[in-house]
Protein backbone atom coordinates (compact mmCIF):
# COMPACT_ATOMS: atom_id res chain seq x y z
CA UNK A 1 1.68 27.19 -10.71
CA UNK A 2 -1.41 27.67 -8.59
CA UNK A 3 -4.13 25.09 -8.47
CA UNK A 4 -6.41 25.26 -11.52
CA UNK A 5 -9.87 26.53 -10.58
CA UNK A 6 -11.35 24.15 -13.16
CA UNK A 7 -10.07 21.15 -11.20
CA UNK A 8 -13.25 19.55 -9.77
CA UNK A 9 -13.95 19.47 -6.03
CA UNK A 10 -11.86 16.69 -4.53
CA UNK A 11 -13.80 13.52 -3.86
CA UNK A 12 -17.14 15.19 -4.47
CA UNK A 13 -19.93 12.98 -3.17
CA UNK A 14 -17.55 10.65 -1.36
CA UNK A 15 -17.77 10.65 2.43
CA UNK A 16 -14.55 10.11 4.38
CA UNK A 17 -13.78 11.00 8.01
CA UNK A 18 -10.00 11.44 7.90
CA UNK A 19 -8.07 14.59 7.14
CA UNK A 20 -5.63 14.41 4.23
CA UNK A 21 -3.19 17.10 3.07
CA UNK A 22 -4.58 19.90 0.95
CA UNK A 23 -1.58 21.24 -0.98
CA UNK A 24 -2.07 24.57 -2.72
CA UNK A 25 -0.47 23.26 -5.87
CA UNK A 26 -2.16 20.13 -7.23
CA UNK A 27 -2.40 18.96 -10.82
CA UNK A 28 -4.39 16.07 -12.27
CA UNK A 29 -2.29 12.93 -12.59
CA UNK A 30 -2.24 9.93 -14.86
CA UNK A 31 -5.09 7.45 -15.21
CA UNK A 32 -4.97 4.15 -13.35
CA UNK A 33 -2.25 1.83 -14.70
CA UNK A 34 -4.98 -0.71 -15.52
CA UNK A 35 -7.34 1.81 -17.13
CA UNK A 36 -7.08 0.18 -20.55
CA UNK A 37 -8.03 -3.27 -19.27
CA UNK A 38 -11.60 -4.39 -19.95
CA UNK A 39 -13.81 -4.61 -16.89
CA UNK A 40 -13.89 -8.41 -17.10
CA UNK A 41 -10.09 -8.47 -16.52
CA UNK A 42 -10.57 -6.61 -13.24
CA UNK A 43 -12.95 -9.15 -11.72
CA UNK A 44 -12.69 -12.79 -10.75
CA UNK A 45 -9.24 -12.32 -9.21
CA UNK A 46 -9.03 -15.35 -6.95
CA UNK A 47 -6.15 -16.34 -4.69
CA UNK A 48 -4.83 -18.85 -7.21
CA UNK A 49 -4.41 -16.08 -9.76
CA UNK A 50 -2.83 -13.77 -7.19
CA UNK A 51 -0.22 -16.36 -6.24
CA UNK A 52 0.50 -17.19 -9.88
CA UNK A 53 1.04 -13.51 -10.68
CA UNK A 54 3.38 -13.13 -7.70
CA UNK A 55 5.43 -15.96 -9.19
CA UNK A 56 5.35 -14.37 -12.65
CA UNK A 57 6.36 -11.01 -11.17
CA UNK A 58 9.30 -12.44 -9.20
CA UNK A 59 7.73 -11.52 -5.89
CA UNK A 60 6.99 -15.01 -4.57
CA UNK A 61 9.07 -16.33 -1.67
CA UNK A 62 9.40 -19.73 -3.36
CA UNK A 63 11.61 -18.30 -6.09
CA UNK A 64 12.53 -14.74 -5.07
CA UNK A 65 14.01 -14.01 -1.63
CA UNK A 66 12.66 -10.99 0.23
CA UNK A 67 15.00 -8.13 -0.79
CA UNK A 68 17.43 -6.77 1.76
CA UNK A 69 19.97 -5.03 -0.46
CA UNK A 70 19.56 -1.36 0.32
CA UNK A 71 22.21 -0.34 -2.19
CA UNK A 72 19.73 -1.19 -4.94
CA UNK A 73 16.84 0.73 -3.42
CA UNK A 74 15.96 4.31 -4.25
CA UNK A 75 15.78 6.85 -1.41
CA UNK A 76 12.43 8.44 -0.70
CA UNK A 77 13.89 11.68 0.55
CA UNK A 78 16.37 14.26 -0.64
CA UNK A 79 19.31 13.18 1.48
CA UNK A 80 22.51 11.21 1.37
CA UNK A 81 22.13 7.49 1.94
CA UNK A 82 22.62 6.35 5.48
CA UNK A 83 22.40 2.96 7.23
CA UNK A 84 18.92 1.58 7.78
CA UNK A 85 18.43 1.53 11.54
CA UNK A 86 14.62 1.54 11.80
CA UNK A 87 12.80 -1.37 10.26
CA UNK A 88 9.06 -1.97 9.96
CA UNK A 89 6.83 -4.41 8.14
CA UNK A 90 3.18 -4.61 7.15
CA UNK A 91 1.06 -7.58 6.17
CA UNK A 92 -0.90 -7.58 2.93
CA UNK A 93 -3.39 -10.15 4.22
CA UNK A 94 -5.53 -11.62 1.43
CA UNK A 95 -8.47 -14.01 1.44
CA UNK A 96 -10.97 -15.19 -1.14
CA UNK A 97 -14.74 -14.83 -0.98
CA UNK A 98 -17.16 -15.62 -3.82
CA UNK A 99 -14.25 -15.88 -6.25
CA UNK A 100 -12.80 -12.46 -5.40
CA UNK A 101 -9.68 -11.66 -3.39
CA UNK A 102 -10.05 -9.21 -0.51
CA UNK A 103 -7.39 -7.33 1.45
CA UNK A 104 -7.41 -6.45 5.16
CA UNK A 105 -7.12 -2.76 6.05
CA UNK A 106 -7.25 -0.83 9.31
CA UNK A 107 -8.05 2.68 10.42
CA UNK A 108 -5.38 3.83 12.81
CA UNK A 109 -6.56 5.27 16.11
CA UNK A 110 -7.05 9.01 15.90
CA UNK A 111 -4.93 9.74 18.97
CA UNK A 112 -1.74 8.21 17.53
CA UNK A 113 1.03 10.77 17.11
CA UNK A 114 1.89 9.66 13.58
CA UNK A 115 -0.68 9.07 10.82
CA UNK A 116 -3.58 9.08 13.28
CA UNK A 117 -6.93 8.25 11.66
CA UNK A 118 -5.38 7.11 8.38
CA UNK A 119 -6.11 3.85 6.58
CA UNK A 120 -3.21 1.41 6.81
CA UNK A 121 -2.17 -2.18 6.41
CA UNK A 122 -1.65 -3.95 9.75
CA UNK A 123 1.97 -3.75 10.81
CA UNK A 124 4.56 -1.77 12.72
CA UNK A 125 8.11 -1.44 14.00
CA UNK A 126 10.41 -4.46 14.12
CA UNK A 127 11.80 -5.66 17.42
CA UNK A 128 15.52 -6.41 17.65
CA UNK A 129 16.46 -9.44 15.58
CA UNK A 130 13.07 -9.83 13.88
CA UNK A 131 12.74 -10.59 10.20
CA UNK A 132 10.17 -8.65 8.15
CA UNK A 133 7.93 -11.73 8.10
CA UNK A 134 8.06 -12.14 11.89
CA UNK A 135 7.30 -8.45 12.39
CA UNK A 136 4.37 -8.40 9.96
CA UNK A 137 2.77 -11.49 11.51
CA UNK A 138 3.29 -10.37 15.12
CA UNK A 139 1.97 -6.87 14.51
CA UNK A 140 -1.06 -8.21 12.66
CA UNK A 141 -1.89 -10.50 15.59
CA UNK A 142 -1.48 -7.65 18.07
CA UNK A 143 -3.46 -5.11 16.05
CA UNK A 144 -6.35 -7.12 14.59
CA UNK A 145 -6.18 -10.56 16.23
CA UNK A 146 -5.19 -12.71 13.23
CA UNK A 147 -2.97 -15.46 14.62
CA UNK A 148 0.29 -16.27 12.84
CA UNK A 149 -0.84 -19.87 12.31
CA UNK A 150 -3.67 -18.67 10.07
CA UNK A 151 -1.38 -16.90 7.58
CA UNK A 152 0.53 -18.56 4.73
CA UNK A 153 3.27 -16.16 3.67
CA UNK A 154 3.68 -16.33 -0.10
CA UNK A 155 5.31 -13.13 -1.28
CA UNK A 156 6.48 -9.59 -0.85
CA UNK A 157 6.15 -6.20 -2.46
CA UNK A 158 8.79 -3.53 -2.90
CA UNK A 159 10.26 -2.18 0.33
CA UNK A 160 9.67 1.51 0.96
CA UNK A 161 12.98 3.02 2.00
CA UNK A 162 13.56 6.46 3.48
CA UNK A 163 17.30 6.97 3.64
CA UNK A 164 16.88 10.46 5.07
CA UNK A 165 15.48 8.96 8.28
CA UNK A 166 17.25 5.61 7.99
CA UNK A 167 14.04 3.59 7.90
CA UNK A 168 12.42 0.95 5.71
CA UNK A 169 9.03 -0.76 5.49
CA UNK A 170 8.62 -4.28 4.09
CA UNK A 171 5.19 -5.27 2.69
CA UNK A 172 4.75 -9.03 3.18
CA UNK A 173 1.96 -10.86 1.31
CA UNK A 174 0.10 -13.56 3.25
CA UNK A 175 -2.94 -15.69 2.37
CA UNK A 176 -5.82 -16.59 4.69
CA UNK A 177 -8.14 -19.55 4.20
CA UNK A 178 -11.27 -17.50 4.93
CA UNK A 179 -12.52 -14.10 6.07
CA UNK A 180 -10.84 -13.33 9.39
CA UNK A 181 -12.51 -12.56 12.69
CA UNK A 182 -11.07 -9.29 13.95
CA UNK A 183 -10.17 -8.55 17.55
CA UNK A 184 -8.70 -5.05 17.41
CA UNK A 185 -6.39 -3.28 19.83
CA UNK A 186 -8.16 0.07 20.39
CA UNK A 187 -4.92 1.77 21.39
CA UNK A 188 -3.69 1.30 17.82
CA UNK A 189 -6.67 0.47 15.61
CA UNK A 190 -10.04 2.18 15.47
CA UNK A 191 -11.51 -0.39 13.10
CA UNK A 192 -10.51 -3.22 10.80
CA UNK A 193 -12.29 -3.90 7.52
CA UNK A 194 -11.76 -5.47 4.11
CA UNK A 195 -12.09 -4.38 0.51
CA UNK A 196 -11.99 -6.51 -2.62
CA UNK A 197 -9.31 -6.07 -5.26
CA UNK A 198 -12.15 -5.79 -7.78
CA UNK A 199 -13.48 -2.73 -5.92
CA UNK A 200 -10.02 -1.14 -5.89
CA UNK A 201 -9.77 -1.78 -9.64
CA UNK A 202 -13.22 -0.32 -10.38
CA UNK A 203 -13.33 2.65 -12.71
CA UNK A 204 -13.93 5.36 -10.12
CA UNK A 205 -11.80 4.02 -7.26
CA UNK A 206 -8.31 5.19 -8.27
CA UNK A 207 -7.16 8.79 -8.45
CA UNK A 208 -3.68 10.12 -9.14
CA UNK A 209 -2.85 13.69 -8.20
CA UNK A 210 0.47 15.44 -8.76
CA UNK A 211 1.54 17.42 -5.72
CA UNK A 212 4.30 19.99 -5.87
CA UNK A 213 6.39 19.55 -2.75
CA UNK A 214 10.01 19.87 -1.71
CA UNK A 215 12.20 18.21 -4.33
CA UNK A 216 12.31 14.45 -3.79
CA UNK A 217 13.52 11.49 -5.84
CA UNK A 218 10.66 10.42 -8.09
CA UNK A 219 9.41 13.95 -8.72
CA UNK A 220 9.51 15.41 -12.21
CA UNK A 221 11.62 18.31 -13.42
CA UNK A 222 9.02 20.77 -12.13
CA UNK A 223 9.00 19.23 -8.67
CA UNK A 224 5.68 17.37 -8.92
CA UNK A 225 5.32 14.01 -7.23
CA UNK A 226 2.56 11.51 -8.14
CA UNK A 227 0.25 10.70 -5.22
CA UNK A 228 -2.10 7.71 -5.44
CA UNK A 229 -5.47 7.77 -3.71
CA UNK A 230 -8.23 5.16 -3.54
CA UNK A 231 -11.87 5.81 -2.82
CA UNK A 232 -13.14 2.93 -0.69
CA UNK A 233 -16.55 2.69 0.99
CA UNK A 234 -16.60 5.33 3.71
CA UNK A 235 -12.97 6.36 3.40
CA UNK A 236 -9.85 7.16 1.38
CA UNK A 237 -6.56 5.30 1.13
CA UNK A 238 -3.46 7.29 0.26
CA UNK A 239 0.26 7.55 1.04
CA UNK A 240 2.43 4.49 1.57
CA UNK A 241 -0.58 2.16 1.83
CA UNK A 242 -1.88 3.30 -1.56
CA UNK A 243 1.60 2.82 -3.01
CA UNK A 244 1.68 -0.79 -1.79
CA UNK A 245 -1.83 -1.46 -3.10
CA UNK A 246 -0.98 -0.01 -6.50
CA UNK A 247 1.99 -2.33 -6.86
CA UNK A 248 -0.13 -5.30 -5.75
CA UNK A 249 -2.85 -4.48 -8.28
CA UNK A 250 -0.31 -4.01 -11.07
CA UNK A 251 1.26 -7.39 -10.30
CA UNK A 252 -2.13 -9.12 -10.14
CA UNK A 253 -3.42 -7.58 -13.37
CA UNK A 254 -0.10 -7.98 -15.20
CA UNK A 255 0.35 -4.30 -16.09
CA UNK A 256 3.46 -2.14 -15.62
CA UNK A 257 3.93 -0.64 -12.17
CA UNK A 258 4.55 3.14 -12.54
CA UNK A 259 6.87 3.23 -9.53
CA UNK A 260 9.21 0.59 -10.97
CA UNK A 261 11.93 3.11 -11.74
CA UNK A 262 11.47 4.94 -8.46
CA UNK A 263 11.56 1.90 -6.20
CA UNK A 264 12.88 -1.64 -6.22
CA UNK A 265 14.24 -2.35 -9.74
């Protein structure tokens, strides 16, 4: 089915410098998982609430170990399962300001061979013998200058596993006592910035599109896969980063995460 000509211009009026895929076959997706929540429930999300919801959602390190059982994970790729040989981790670094929780994001340097210019969480490939926590903290220090001693690791979000390439990404949740001072590595990061969870939960921030691509686990019977996109000031967040943020926002607001049956059970 070709793209419907009545579908409005993508991101009309929203300025963003990065290039994102423009599939020929796009359909409108579902509303935001939190769309039925009143606006008051999307504001005032402080760090205390975030940590409490991580506990409630069984994603807090105090009660729920970081998952490492790949047999229970769903492949993101149409291929037979194979051993995970490439491991990465990202840090979901959160801090509170004026009663609202903010998350640290980066724009990857445009010259990088993979995902150049895209918005990402700080993180990268694990060195031999590193745990996901060690990787996330080290990469965050190297990329944006936040020292490990400033981060209190409290939780995790669902690992993103690609069995076709034998790789996995662990999102680790860490809390900061205050807004960080960034010292970026220009070889990897063009800029570092923050956005509040309240802004991500705002009515016009979230967009789901359904892209028809090669058949993958998680796609529907017609081959469409839901893609989450966030409009943030001056940019767009999509892909794996948007997937992590959607899970975080679902946990924090207490609503069902749409990917639950396509990711970590």
